[in-house]
Amino acid sequence: MRSSKLVLAGVLAFALAATGAHAQEDGVAKPITNPTQVFHLSNISNATEATEILVAIRNMLDPRDRVDLVSAQSAIFIQAPPDHLALAKKIIDDLDRPRKTYRLTYTITEIDDGKRVGTQHYSMVLVSGQRTTMKQGSKIPVATGTVTENGSPATQTQFTYLDVGLNFDATLDESVNGVRLRSKAEQSSLGSDKLIAGIQEPVVRQAVLEGTSILTPGKPLILGSLDIPDSTRRLDIEVVMDVVK
């Protein structure tokens, strides 16, 4: 109910603003001749997408048509002749489309001295155009210093935490050539400590695989391999995409 009142208030404010514009232009108040229509955006995920639709409508309609965006309601108010409203509706229907949902399955195969020693699978569900991340691993505490409280001989050790393991960062976009995947796979592990300024500090080994690929539903694609430092092992990374809906 509150949402409906806000939208109605927006329509009234929009109409009053238009009336004031006519009165200032002609010197006398005139009735509004063009209808006002509210278009709700149902499938946008952020304000940038709504602004892009707003700009597209303004570029296609007559400059004299009133077009405004109410971000809080994800709604576009348009005052224009009926044929212009019909054109605006077509533009919105073409741009504000439901996003497809996909499932990405990463397969990590560990190779040691040319022999397969293990395989792990990681799945994540993505909506087209939205970024999705996934982490699997541990948080390792690392001492960063000590603090002495006022009036007390006791000291407290301060810690920070390092993420160690596998991280996936993926974005899917629909394109003319297929579904484009922008992917980043990061593998990190702890190595031997090093003595720095008299303190044993942990060493984090890291390997990153980042790139853009075109995927076909149901067809596996090798993204690449990550060598594990100071060992004969490597990780082969494969991904396959399936349409959820």
C-alpha atoms as a PDB file:
ATOM      1  CA  MET A   1       0.000   0.000   0.000  1.00  0.00           C
ATOM      2  CA  ARG A   2       2.792   2.417   0.884  1.00  0.00           C
ATOM      3  CA  SER A   3       4.495   1.682  -2.443  1.00  0.00           C
ATOM      4  CA  SER A   4       1.273   2.457  -4.358  1.00  0.00           C
ATOM      5  CA  LYS A   5       0.930   5.784  -2.524  1.00  0.00           C
ATOM      6  CA  LEU A   6       4.514   6.690  -3.395  1.00  0.00           C
ATOM      7  CA  VAL A   7       3.941   5.935  -7.049  1.00  0.00           C
ATOM      8  CA  LEU A   8       0.672   7.956  -7.057  1.00  0.00           C
ATOM      9  CA  ALA A   9       2.487  10.853  -5.396  1.00  0.00           C
ATOM     10  CA  GLY A  10       5.176  10.648  -8.044  1.00  0.00           C
ATOM     11  CA  VAL A  11       2.581  10.785 -10.831  1.00  0.00           C
ATOM     12  CA  LEU A  12       0.877  13.823  -9.276  1.00  0.00           C
ATOM     13  CA  ALA A  13       4.194  15.617  -8.806  1.00  0.00           C
ATOM     14  CA  PHE A  14       5.146  14.813 -12.360  1.00  0.00           C
ATOM     15  CA  ALA A  15       1.831  16.173 -13.687  1.00  0.00           C
ATOM     16  CA  LEU A  16       2.065  19.349 -11.593  1.00  0.00           C
ATOM     17  CA  ALA A  17       5.590  19.978 -12.840  1.00  0.00           C
ATOM     18  CA  ALA A  18       4.406  19.636 -16.411  1.00  0.00           C
ATOM     19  CA  THR A  19       1.519  22.059 -15.759  1.00  0.00           C
ATOM     20  CA  GLY A  20       3.886  24.617 -14.325  1.00  0.00           C
ATOM     21  CA  ALA A  21       6.076  24.364 -17.401  1.00  0.00           C
ATOM     22  CA  HIS A  22       3.148  25.187 -19.691  1.00  0.00           C
ATOM     23  CA  ALA A  23       2.076  28.062 -17.497  1.00  0.00           C
ATOM     24  CA  GLN A  24       5.548  29.593 -17.532  1.00  0.00           C
ATOM     25  CA  GLU A  25       5.819  29.153 -21.289  1.00  0.00           C
ATOM     26  CA  ASP A  26       2.407  30.536 -22.319  1.00  0.00           C
ATOM     27  CA  GLY A  27       1.749  32.910 -19.477  1.00  0.00           C
ATOM     28  CA  VAL A  28      -1.493  31.156 -18.547  1.00  0.00           C
ATOM     29  CA  ALA A  29      -2.221  27.744 -17.113  1.00  0.00           C
ATOM     30  CA  LYS A  30      -3.396  25.214 -19.683  1.00  0.00           C
ATOM     31  CA  PRO A  31      -4.684  21.696 -19.193  1.00  0.00           C
ATOM     32  CA  ILE A  32      -2.279  18.846 -19.893  1.00  0.00           C
ATOM     33  CA  THR A  33      -3.112  17.319 -23.258  1.00  0.00           C
ATOM     34  CA  ASN A  34      -0.644  14.434 -23.308  1.00  0.00           C
ATOM     35  CA  PRO A  35      -1.237  11.452 -21.024  1.00  0.00           C
ATOM     36  CA  THR A  36       1.234  10.359 -18.367  1.00  0.00           C
ATOM     37  CA  GLN A  37       2.157   6.711 -17.953  1.00  0.00           C
ATOM     38  CA  VAL A  38       4.289   4.897 -15.383  1.00  0.00           C
ATOM     39  CA  PHE A  39       6.533   2.043 -16.544  1.00  0.00           C
ATOM     40  CA  HIS A  40       7.930  -0.222 -13.842  1.00  0.00           C
ATOM     41  CA  LEU A  41      11.278  -1.889 -14.498  1.00  0.00           C
ATOM     42  CA  SER A  42      11.056  -5.494 -13.324  1.00  0.00           C
ATOM     43  CA  ASN A  43      14.381  -7.069 -14.219  1.00  0.00           C
ATOM     44  CA  ILE A  44      17.092  -4.478 -13.573  1.00  0.00           C
ATOM     45  CA  SER A  45      19.665  -5.209 -10.866  1.00  0.00           C
ATOM     46  CA  ASN A  46      21.187  -1.764 -10.259  1.00  0.00           C
ATOM     47  CA  ALA A  47      20.734   1.970 -10.839  1.00  0.00           C
ATOM     48  CA  THR A  48      23.149   1.984 -13.787  1.00  0.00           C
ATOM     49  CA  GLU A  49      20.921  -0.335 -15.810  1.00  0.00           C
ATOM     50  CA  ALA A  50      17.870   1.845 -15.080  1.00  0.00           C
ATOM     51  CA  THR A  51      19.761   4.965 -16.182  1.00  0.00           C
ATOM     52  CA  GLU A  52      20.817   3.272 -19.427  1.00  0.00           C
ATOM     53  CA  ILE A  53      17.170   2.475 -20.227  1.00  0.00           C
ATOM     54  CA  LEU A  54      16.199   6.067 -19.388  1.00  0.00           C
ATOM     55  CA  VAL A  55      18.856   7.440 -21.769  1.00  0.00           C
ATOM     56  CA  ALA A  56      17.736   5.086 -24.543  1.00  0.00           C
ATOM     57  CA  ILE A  57      14.136   6.296 -24.221  1.00  0.00           C
ATOM     58  CA  ARG A  58      15.111   9.962 -24.216  1.00  0.00           C
ATOM     59  CA  ASN A  59      17.238   9.454 -27.324  1.00  0.00           C
ATOM     60  CA  MET A  60      14.345   7.830 -29.202  1.00  0.00           C
ATOM     61  CA  LEU A  61      11.475  10.112 -28.151  1.00  0.00           C
ATOM     62  CA  ASP A  62      10.786  13.737 -28.986  1.00  0.00           C
ATOM     63  CA  PRO A  63      12.849  16.169 -26.861  1.00  0.00           C
ATOM     64  CA  ARG A  64       9.593  17.829 -25.794  1.00  0.00           C
ATOM     65  CA  ASP A  65       8.351  14.610 -24.146  1.00  0.00           C
ATOM     66  CA  ARG A  66       8.771  14.447 -20.377  1.00  0.00           C
ATOM     67  CA  VAL A  67      10.776  11.400 -19.252  1.00  0.00           C
ATOM     68  CA  ASP A  68      11.917  10.975 -15.630  1.00  0.00           C
ATOM     69  CA  LEU A  69      13.301   8.116 -13.552  1.00  0.00           C
ATOM     70  CA  VAL A  70      12.313   7.444  -9.953  1.00  0.00           C
ATOM     71  CA  SER A  71      15.128   5.184  -8.779  1.00  0.00           C
ATOM     72  CA  ALA A  72      13.529   4.284  -5.445  1.00  0.00           C
ATOM     73  CA  GLN A  73      10.555   2.774  -7.268  1.00  0.00           C
ATOM     74  CA  SER A  74      12.473   1.466 -10.324  1.00  0.00           C
ATOM     75  CA  ALA A  75       9.903   3.339 -12.390  1.00  0.00           C
ATOM     76  CA  ILE A  76      10.021   5.647 -15.399  1.00  0.00           C
ATOM     77  CA  PHE A  77       7.392   8.411 -15.744  1.00  0.00           C
ATOM     78  CA  ILE A  78       6.639   9.525 -19.287  1.00  0.00           C
ATOM     79  CA  GLN A  79       4.311  12.276 -20.498  1.00  0.00           C
ATOM     80  CA  ALA A  80       3.977  12.077 -24.263  1.00  0.00           C
ATOM     81  CA  PRO A  81       1.514  11.474 -27.097  1.00  0.00           C
ATOM     82  CA  PRO A  82       0.027   7.941 -27.187  1.00  0.00           C
ATOM     83  CA  ASP A  83       2.185   6.820 -30.128  1.00  0.00           C
ATOM     84  CA  HIS A  84       5.315   7.951 -28.259  1.00  0.00           C
ATOM     85  CA  LEU A  85       4.178   6.029 -25.170  1.00  0.00           C
ATOM     86  CA  ALA A  86       3.774   2.939 -27.326  1.00  0.00           C
ATOM     87  CA  LEU A  87       7.325   3.366 -28.626  1.00  0.00           C
ATOM     88  CA  ALA A  88       8.637   3.808 -25.075  1.00  0.00           C
ATOM     89  CA  LYS A  89       6.868   0.609 -24.006  1.00  0.00           C
ATOM     90  CA  LYS A  90       8.496  -1.300 -26.852  1.00  0.00           C
ATOM     91  CA  ILE A  91      11.947   0.020 -25.876  1.00  0.00           C
ATOM     92  CA  ILE A  92      11.397  -0.994 -22.243  1.00  0.00           C
ATOM     93  CA  ASP A  93      10.123  -4.441 -23.225  1.00  0.00           C
ATOM     94  CA  ASP A  94      13.228  -4.971 -25.371  1.00  0.00           C
ATOM     95  CA  LEU A  95      15.716  -3.770 -22.743  1.00  0.00           C
ATOM     96  CA  ASP A  96      14.108  -4.823 -19.456  1.00  0.00           C
ATOM     97  CA  ARG A  97      14.077  -8.544 -20.187  1.00  0.00           C
ATOM     98  CA  PRO A  98      14.248 -11.380 -17.638  1.00  0.00           C
ATOM     99  CA  ARG A  99      17.817 -12.557 -17.060  1.00  0.00           C
ATOM    100  CA  LYS A 100      18.728 -16.145 -17.729  1.00  0.00           C
ATOM    101  CA  THR A 101      20.180 -18.214 -14.917  1.00  0.00           C
ATOM    102  CA  TYR A 102      23.159 -20.497 -15.488  1.00  0.00           C
ATOM    103  CA  ARG A 103      25.102 -23.069 -13.518  1.00  0.00           C
ATOM    104  CA  LEU A 104      28.890 -23.111 -13.794  1.00  0.00           C
ATOM    105  CA  THR A 105      30.720 -26.242 -12.713  1.00  0.00           C
ATOM    106  CA  TYR A 106      34.474 -25.961 -12.249  1.00  0.00           C
ATOM    107  CA  THR A 107      36.462 -29.184 -12.262  1.00  0.00           C
ATOM    108  CA  ILE A 108      39.897 -28.982 -10.639  1.00  0.00           C
ATOM    109  CA  THR A 109      42.139 -31.911 -11.543  1.00  0.00           C
ATOM    110  CA  GLU A 110      45.400 -32.304  -9.642  1.00  0.00           C
ATOM    111  CA  ILE A 111      48.293 -33.713 -11.666  1.00  0.00           C
ATOM    112  CA  ASP A 112      51.473 -34.905  -9.936  1.00  0.00           C
ATOM    113  CA  ASP A 113      54.435 -35.799 -12.142  1.00  0.00           C
ATOM    114  CA  GLY A 114      52.121 -36.419 -15.083  1.00  0.00           C
ATOM    115  CA  LYS A 115      49.644 -38.596 -13.147  1.00  0.00           C
ATOM    116  CA  ARG A 116      46.141 -37.653 -12.051  1.00  0.00           C
ATOM    117  CA  VAL A 117      45.953 -37.821  -8.255  1.00  0.00           C
ATOM    118  CA  GLY A 118      42.621 -36.141  -7.471  1.00  0.00           C
ATOM    119  CA  THR A 119      39.576 -34.306  -8.838  1.00  0.00           C
ATOM    120  CA  GLN A 120      37.275 -31.785  -7.189  1.00  0.00           C
ATOM    121  CA  HIS A 121      34.089 -30.136  -8.460  1.00  0.00           C
ATOM    122  CA  TYR A 122      32.765 -26.674  -7.541  1.00  0.00           C
ATOM    123  CA  SER A 123      29.394 -25.369  -8.746  1.00  0.00           C
ATOM    124  CA  MET A 124      27.943 -21.876  -8.668  1.00  0.00           C
ATOM    125  CA  VAL A 125      24.694 -20.404  -9.994  1.00  0.00           C
ATOM    126  CA  LEU A 126      24.902 -17.088 -11.876  1.00  0.00           C
ATOM    127  CA  VAL A 127      22.431 -14.611 -13.318  1.00  0.00           C
ATOM    128  CA  SER A 128      23.428 -13.115 -16.657  1.00  0.00           C
ATOM    129  CA  GLY A 129      25.193  -9.781 -16.197  1.00  0.00           C
ATOM    130  CA  GLN A 130      25.841 -10.201 -12.473  1.00  0.00           C
ATOM    131  CA  ARG A 131      29.151 -10.991 -10.804  1.00  0.00           C
ATOM    132  CA  THR A 132      29.346 -14.066  -8.559  1.00  0.00           C
ATOM    133  CA  THR A 133      32.212 -15.155  -6.288  1.00  0.00           C
ATOM    134  CA  MET A 134      32.933 -18.378  -4.441  1.00  0.00           C
ATOM    135  CA  LYS A 135      35.651 -19.208  -1.894  1.00  0.00           C
ATOM    136  CA  GLN A 136      36.818 -22.516  -0.478  1.00  0.00           C
ATOM    137  CA  GLY A 137      39.672 -22.657   1.967  1.00  0.00           C
ATOM    138  CA  SER A 138      40.819 -21.442   5.380  1.00  0.00           C
ATOM    139  CA  LYS A 139      41.544 -18.195   7.206  1.00  0.00           C
ATOM    140  CA  ILE A 140      45.062 -18.265   8.629  1.00  0.00           C
ATOM    141  CA  PRO A 141      45.815 -15.961  11.617  1.00  0.00           C
ATOM    142  CA  VAL A 142      48.992 -13.924  11.290  1.00  0.00           C
ATOM    143  CA  ALA A 143      50.377 -11.821  14.151  1.00  0.00           C
ATOM    144  CA  THR A 144      50.842  -8.182  13.144  1.00  0.00           C
ATOM    145  CA  GLY A 145      52.045  -6.664  16.417  1.00  0.00           C
ATOM    146  CA  THR A 146      51.463  -6.237  20.134  1.00  0.00           C
ATOM    147  CA  VAL A 147      49.635  -3.630  22.187  1.00  0.00           C
ATOM    148  CA  THR A 148      50.317  -2.701  25.827  1.00  0.00           C
ATOM    149  CA  GLU A 149      47.377  -1.376  27.801  1.00  0.00           C
ATOM    150  CA  ASN A 150      47.864   1.761  29.931  1.00  0.00           C
ATOM    151  CA  GLY A 151      48.942   0.925  33.467  1.00  0.00           C
ATOM    152  CA  SER A 152      49.267  -2.781  32.797  1.00  0.00           C
ATOM    153  CA  PRO A 153      52.398  -4.811  32.047  1.00  0.00           C
ATOM    154  CA  ALA A 154      50.357  -7.287  30.013  1.00  0.00           C
ATOM    155  CA  THR A 155      50.460  -7.144  26.244  1.00  0.00           C
ATOM    156  CA  GLN A 156      47.902  -8.189  23.659  1.00  0.00           C
ATOM    157  CA  THR A 157      48.820  -9.627  20.300  1.00  0.00           C
ATOM    158  CA  GLN A 158      47.029  -8.281  17.234  1.00  0.00           C
ATOM    159  CA  PHE A 159      46.200 -10.572  14.343  1.00  0.00           C
ATOM    160  CA  THR A 160      45.109 -10.331  10.739  1.00  0.00           C
ATOM    161  CA  TYR A 161      43.703 -13.224   8.725  1.00  0.00           C
ATOM    162  CA  LEU A 162      44.823 -14.463   5.328  1.00  0.00           C
ATOM    163  CA  ASP A 163      42.468 -16.310   2.966  1.00  0.00           C
ATOM    164  CA  VAL A 164      44.169 -19.470   1.747  1.00  0.00           C
ATOM    165  CA  GLY A 165      42.586 -21.887  -0.725  1.00  0.00           C
ATOM    166  CA  LEU A 166      40.630 -21.570  -3.969  1.00  0.00           C
ATOM    167  CA  ASN A 167      38.756 -18.435  -5.048  1.00  0.00           C
ATOM    168  CA  PHE A 168      36.476 -18.154  -8.079  1.00  0.00           C
ATOM    169  CA  ASP A 169      35.180 -14.898  -9.553  1.00  0.00           C
ATOM    170  CA  ALA A 170      32.850 -15.158 -12.570  1.00  0.00           C
ATOM    171  CA  THR A 171      30.541 -12.998 -14.672  1.00  0.00           C
ATOM    172  CA  LEU A 172      28.408 -14.293 -17.559  1.00  0.00           C
ATOM    173  CA  ASP A 173      27.115 -12.022 -20.326  1.00  0.00           C
ATOM    174  CA  GLU A 174      24.966 -12.988 -23.282  1.00  0.00           C
ATOM    175  CA  SER A 175      26.476 -11.938 -26.614  1.00  0.00           C
ATOM    176  CA  VAL A 176      25.872 -12.517 -30.318  1.00  0.00           C
ATOM    177  CA  ASN A 177      28.533 -15.234 -30.446  1.00  0.00           C
ATOM    178  CA  GLY A 178      27.316 -17.089 -27.350  1.00  0.00           C
ATOM    179  CA  VAL A 179      27.676 -16.719 -23.595  1.00  0.00           C
ATOM    180  CA  ARG A 180      30.808 -14.833 -22.581  1.00  0.00           C
ATOM    181  CA  LEU A 181      32.532 -15.819 -19.358  1.00  0.00           C
ATOM    182  CA  ARG A 182      34.861 -13.437 -17.548  1.00  0.00           C
ATOM    183  CA  SER A 183      36.527 -15.663 -15.011  1.00  0.00           C
ATOM    184  CA  LYS A 184      39.269 -15.496 -12.409  1.00  0.00           C
ATOM    185  CA  ALA A 185      40.526 -18.543 -10.537  1.00  0.00           C
ATOM    186  CA  GLU A 186      43.022 -18.042  -7.736  1.00  0.00           C
ATOM    187  CA  GLN A 187      44.837 -20.731  -5.775  1.00  0.00           C
ATOM    188  CA  SER A 188      46.893 -19.900  -2.675  1.00  0.00           C
ATOM    189  CA  SER A 189      48.737 -21.978  -0.089  1.00  0.00           C
ATOM    190  CA  LEU A 190      51.169 -21.493   2.763  1.00  0.00           C
ATOM    191  CA  GLY A 191      54.869 -22.048   2.166  1.00  0.00           C
ATOM    192  CA  SER A 192      57.806 -22.141   4.552  1.00  0.00           C
ATOM    193  CA  ASP A 193      58.131 -19.237   6.980  1.00  0.00           C
ATOM    194  CA  LYS A 194      60.823 -16.648   6.389  1.00  0.00           C
ATOM    195  CA  LEU A 195      62.783 -14.759   8.996  1.00  0.00           C
ATOM    196  CA  ILE A 196      62.130 -11.027   8.477  1.00  0.00           C
ATOM    197  CA  ALA A 197      63.514  -8.480  10.991  1.00  0.00           C
ATOM    198  CA  GLY A 198      63.890 -11.241  13.553  1.00  0.00           C
ATOM    199  CA  ILE A 199      60.307 -12.463  13.175  1.00  0.00           C
ATOM    200  CA  GLN A 200      59.141 -15.628  11.417  1.00  0.00           C
ATOM    201  CA  GLU A 201      56.637 -14.482   8.786  1.00  0.00           C
ATOM    202  CA  PRO A 202      54.440 -16.828   6.731  1.00  0.00           C
ATOM    203  CA  VAL A 203      54.915 -17.006   2.972  1.00  0.00           C
ATOM    204  CA  VAL A 204      51.776 -17.340   0.844  1.00  0.00           C
ATOM    205  CA  ARG A 205      52.172 -18.972  -2.555  1.00  0.00           C
ATOM    206  CA  GLN A 206      49.675 -17.742  -5.126  1.00  0.00           C
ATOM    207  CA  ALA A 207      48.712 -18.633  -8.682  1.00  0.00           C
ATOM    208  CA  VAL A 208      46.038 -16.759 -10.664  1.00  0.00           C
ATOM    209  CA  LEU A 209      44.278 -17.705 -13.901  1.00  0.00           C
ATOM    210  CA  GLU A 210      42.201 -14.892 -15.403  1.00  0.00           C
ATOM    211  CA  GLY A 211      40.640 -14.451 -18.832  1.00  0.00           C
ATOM    212  CA  THR A 212      37.572 -14.255 -21.072  1.00  0.00           C
ATOM    213  CA  SER A 213      36.025 -17.208 -22.888  1.00  0.00           C
ATOM    214  CA  ILE A 214      32.951 -18.020 -24.994  1.00  0.00           C
ATOM    215  CA  LEU A 215      30.964 -20.954 -23.612  1.00  0.00           C
ATOM    216  CA  THR A 216      28.512 -23.359 -25.210  1.00  0.00           C
ATOM    217  CA  PRO A 217      25.927 -24.981 -22.899  1.00  0.00           C
ATOM    218  CA  GLY A 218      26.950 -28.497 -21.900  1.00  0.00           C
ATOM    219  CA  LYS A 219      30.364 -28.339 -23.591  1.00  0.00           C
ATOM    220  CA  PRO A 220      33.400 -28.442 -21.245  1.00  0.00           C
ATOM    221  CA  LEU A 221      36.160 -25.881 -21.774  1.00  0.00           C
ATOM    222  CA  ILE A 222      39.719 -26.027 -20.423  1.00  0.00           C
ATOM    223  CA  LEU A 223      40.509 -22.636 -18.886  1.00  0.00           C
ATOM    224  CA  GLY A 224      44.154 -23.416 -18.167  1.00  0.00           C
ATOM    225  CA  SER A 225      46.559 -24.842 -15.603  1.00  0.00           C
ATOM    226  CA  LEU A 226      48.057 -23.557 -12.362  1.00  0.00           C
ATOM    227  CA  ASP A 227      51.515 -24.830 -11.397  1.00  0.00           C
ATOM    228  CA  ILE A 228      52.106 -25.354  -7.689  1.00  0.00           C
ATOM    229  CA  PRO A 229      55.484 -23.796  -6.794  1.00  0.00           C
ATOM    230  CA  ASP A 230      58.287 -25.960  -5.405  1.00  0.00           C
ATOM    231  CA  SER A 231      56.536 -29.166  -6.456  1.00  0.00           C
ATOM    232  CA  THR A 232      55.848 -31.401  -9.457  1.00  0.00           C
ATOM    233  CA  ARG A 233      52.110 -30.765  -9.158  1.00  0.00           C
ATOM    234  CA  ARG A 234      49.740 -28.637 -11.187  1.00  0.00           C
ATOM    235  CA  LEU A 235      45.997 -27.932 -11.217  1.00  0.00           C
ATOM    236  CA  ASP A 236      44.066 -28.217 -14.495  1.00  0.00           C
ATOM    237  CA  ILE A 237      40.896 -26.082 -14.475  1.00  0.00           C
ATOM    238  CA  GLU A 238      37.907 -26.992 -16.628  1.00  0.00           C
ATOM    239  CA  VAL A 239      34.487 -25.344 -16.684  1.00  0.00           C
ATOM    240  CA  VAL A 240      31.128 -26.374 -18.109  1.00  0.00           C
ATOM    241  CA  MET A 241      27.986 -24.219 -18.290  1.00  0.00           C
ATOM    242  CA  ASP A 242      24.363 -25.347 -18.152  1.00  0.00           C
ATOM    243  CA  VAL A 243      21.188 -23.272 -18.519  1.00  0.00           C
ATOM    244  CA  VAL A 244      19.032 -23.397 -15.396  1.00  0.00           C
ATOM    245  CA  LYS A 245      16.154 -21.330 -16.791  1.00  0.00           C
END
